[in-house]
Each structure stands twice: as structure tokens, then as C-alpha cells.
Amino acid sequence: MKITNFKSVLAVALSALALFVSGCVSTPTGHSQAGVPLLKSTLTRRYPRSVEQLVAATRVVLTRNGKLSVDNSVDNSFQAKVNERDVWVKITKVDDKVTELVIMVRKGLGADIDLAAELDKQIALQLTVTP
């Protein structure tokens, strides 16, 4: 009888844990996405380039690697699908010489920080090619 009791308590504890770690995460573009909020899915980088240069490089990289679905020139944000993962990029001016890039990659409820780092690296390399 005690084993049945333990199994019931374990099932309730696992259900509570599943509810605790699942939820919503905020994307760089300000929307909510279903996912586990405890997973690292966002990289923030700063570049000594203009917003226009970073936007151009990001557009090229996202188009080359997947399908660009949102290209918002008003707030310099992008949404794309790369390797069946959702990608969000937000570009903001920090000051006259520095621009910030925030990139988030998620697949389902999980995160893919490796793809975010790879896209960030490609954007940085594209900045060396783009005048």
C-alpha cells in the first residue's frame, strides 16, 4: 500500500513541477511565446556600427539561413524561421557609436542558444563584408 501512496505523491509532484517550469517567455519584439522561462534562449551583443548597417547584415543572414517572415523597419525587428526554429531579432541604438542586437531562438517549448550564437557570429562576419 505504501508504494501506491509514493507513486501518487510522485505523480502529483511531477505534475506540479511541469506546471511550474512551463509558461510564457517574452520575445525581443515584445510578444509572448509559450516556453520554459528557465532556459537561456537570448543573446545580447553590442557593435560599434550604425543601426542601418546592423539591420542590413541581419536581413542578409536571416534570408540566407532561413525564411524571413517579419521585417519591421519601424522598430528594426525581425522574425524568421531557421532550421524549424523561431528566431526573433531586435536592433536598437545605444548611442551615436554603438548599436545593440538582441537575438532569441526557440524550438517548441525549448531554447536553442547554439543557433543564436551561430547567427550572431554570421551577422558579425557580414558586418565586415557590408560597407
Protein backbone atom coordinates (compact mmCIF):
# COMPACT_ATOMS: atom_id res chain seq x y z
CA MET A 1 0.00 0.00 0.00
CA LYS A 2 2.86 2.37 0.70
CA ILE A 3 4.27 2.01 -2.83
CA THR A 4 0.94 3.13 -4.29
CA ASN A 5 0.97 6.15 -1.98
CA PHE A 6 4.52 7.01 -3.06
CA LYS A 7 3.58 6.74 -6.74
CA SER A 8 0.63 9.08 -6.19
CA VAL A 9 2.76 11.65 -4.39
CA LEU A 10 5.45 11.37 -7.08
CA ALA A 11 2.86 11.87 -9.84
CA VAL A 12 1.47 14.97 -8.13
CA ALA A 13 4.97 16.37 -7.56
CA LEU A 14 5.97 15.83 -11.20
CA SER A 15 2.74 17.46 -12.41
CA ALA A 16 3.36 20.47 -10.18
CA LEU A 17 6.94 20.72 -11.46
CA ALA A 18 5.73 20.59 -15.06
CA LEU A 19 3.29 23.43 -14.40
CA PHE A 20 5.97 25.44 -12.59
CA VAL A 21 8.58 25.31 -15.36
CA SER A 22 6.22 25.74 -18.30
CA GLY A 23 4.82 29.11 -19.12
CA CYS A 24 5.48 32.06 -21.39
CA VAL A 25 8.61 33.89 -22.36
CA SER A 26 8.82 37.40 -23.73
CA THR A 27 10.39 37.82 -27.16
CA PRO A 28 12.70 40.71 -28.04
CA THR A 29 9.91 42.16 -30.17
CA GLY A 30 7.60 42.43 -27.14
CA HIS A 31 5.31 39.46 -27.79
CA SER A 32 4.79 36.38 -25.62
CA GLN A 33 5.76 32.89 -26.69
CA ALA A 34 4.94 29.60 -24.96
CA GLY A 35 8.03 28.07 -23.45
CA VAL A 36 10.11 27.21 -20.44
CA PRO A 37 11.29 30.53 -18.99
CA LEU A 38 14.28 29.00 -17.17
CA LEU A 39 16.14 28.14 -20.40
CA LYS A 40 18.64 30.61 -21.86
CA SER A 41 17.50 31.47 -25.37
CA THR A 42 18.60 35.09 -25.81
CA LEU A 43 21.94 36.68 -26.67
CA THR A 44 22.62 40.40 -26.40
CA ARG A 45 25.57 41.88 -28.28
CA ARG A 46 26.77 45.42 -28.92
CA TYR A 47 28.51 46.51 -32.09
CA PRO A 48 30.32 49.74 -32.94
CA ARG A 49 28.18 50.15 -36.07
CA SER A 50 25.13 52.11 -37.11
CA VAL A 51 21.61 50.73 -36.86
CA GLU A 52 21.35 50.70 -40.65
CA GLN A 53 24.50 48.58 -41.03
CA LEU A 54 23.31 46.07 -38.44
CA VAL A 55 19.82 45.90 -39.98
CA ALA A 56 21.29 45.21 -43.43
CA ALA A 57 23.63 42.50 -42.12
CA THR A 58 20.83 40.85 -40.11
CA ARG A 59 18.49 40.85 -43.10
CA VAL A 60 21.13 39.13 -45.27
CA VAL A 61 21.96 36.48 -42.64
CA LEU A 62 18.35 35.59 -41.82
CA THR A 63 17.41 35.38 -45.50
CA ARG A 64 20.45 33.22 -46.25
CA ASN A 65 19.78 30.79 -43.39
CA GLY A 66 16.00 30.51 -43.45
CA LYS A 67 12.78 32.28 -44.22
CA LEU A 68 12.32 35.87 -43.09
CA SER A 69 8.67 36.29 -42.10
CA VAL A 70 8.66 39.74 -40.41
CA ASP A 71 10.92 42.63 -41.38
CA ASN A 72 9.74 45.62 -39.33
CA SER A 73 11.62 48.71 -40.44
CA VAL A 74 9.79 50.93 -37.91
CA ASP A 75 11.29 49.34 -34.79
CA ASN A 76 14.12 47.40 -36.51
CA SER A 77 12.89 43.95 -35.53
CA PHE A 78 12.83 40.68 -37.43
CA GLN A 79 11.16 37.31 -37.13
CA ALA A 80 12.34 34.30 -39.10
CA LYS A 81 12.24 30.53 -39.29
CA VAL A 82 15.69 28.88 -39.37
CA ASN A 83 16.10 25.09 -39.17
CA GLU A 84 12.50 24.73 -37.93
CA ARG A 85 13.25 27.15 -35.07
CA ASP A 86 11.67 30.52 -34.38
CA VAL A 87 14.13 33.42 -34.44
CA TRP A 88 13.50 36.96 -33.18
CA VAL A 89 15.96 39.82 -33.60
CA LYS A 90 15.66 43.35 -32.24
CA ILE A 91 18.16 46.11 -33.05
CA THR A 92 18.33 49.30 -31.01
CA LYS A 93 20.62 52.31 -30.95
CA VAL A 94 22.56 52.64 -27.68
CA ASP A 95 24.39 55.85 -28.54
CA ASP A 96 25.95 57.52 -31.59
CA LYS A 97 28.60 54.82 -31.98
CA VAL A 98 27.09 51.64 -30.52
CA THR A 99 24.11 49.52 -31.59
CA GLU A 100 22.64 46.63 -29.63
CA LEU A 101 21.45 43.35 -31.15
CA VAL A 102 19.18 41.01 -29.20
CA ILE A 103 18.63 37.60 -30.77
CA MET A 104 16.35 34.86 -29.43
CA VAL A 105 15.96 31.34 -30.82
CA ARG A 106 13.36 28.85 -29.61
CA LYS A 107 12.05 25.50 -30.78
CA GLY A 108 8.74 24.47 -29.32
CA LEU A 109 8.95 24.96 -25.56
CA GLY A 110 12.75 24.73 -25.59
CA ALA A 111 15.61 27.04 -26.49
CA ASP A 112 18.49 26.84 -28.96
CA ILE A 113 21.27 29.12 -27.71
CA ASP A 114 23.76 27.46 -30.08
CA LEU A 115 21.82 28.60 -33.16
CA ALA A 116 21.51 32.08 -31.63
CA ALA A 117 25.31 32.19 -31.22
CA GLU A 118 25.83 30.94 -34.77
CA LEU A 119 23.51 33.57 -36.24
CA ASP A 120 25.21 36.26 -34.14
CA LYS A 121 28.59 35.15 -35.47
CA GLN A 122 27.32 35.26 -39.06
CA ILE A 123 25.91 38.75 -38.51
CA ALA A 124 29.27 39.91 -37.13
CA LEU A 125 31.06 38.45 -40.17
CA GLN A 126 28.50 40.04 -42.51
CA LEU A 127 29.30 43.41 -40.93
CA THR A 128 32.89 43.05 -42.12
CA VAL A 129 31.66 42.48 -45.69
CA THR A 130 28.94 45.16 -45.75
CA PRO A 131 30.34 48.69 -46.24
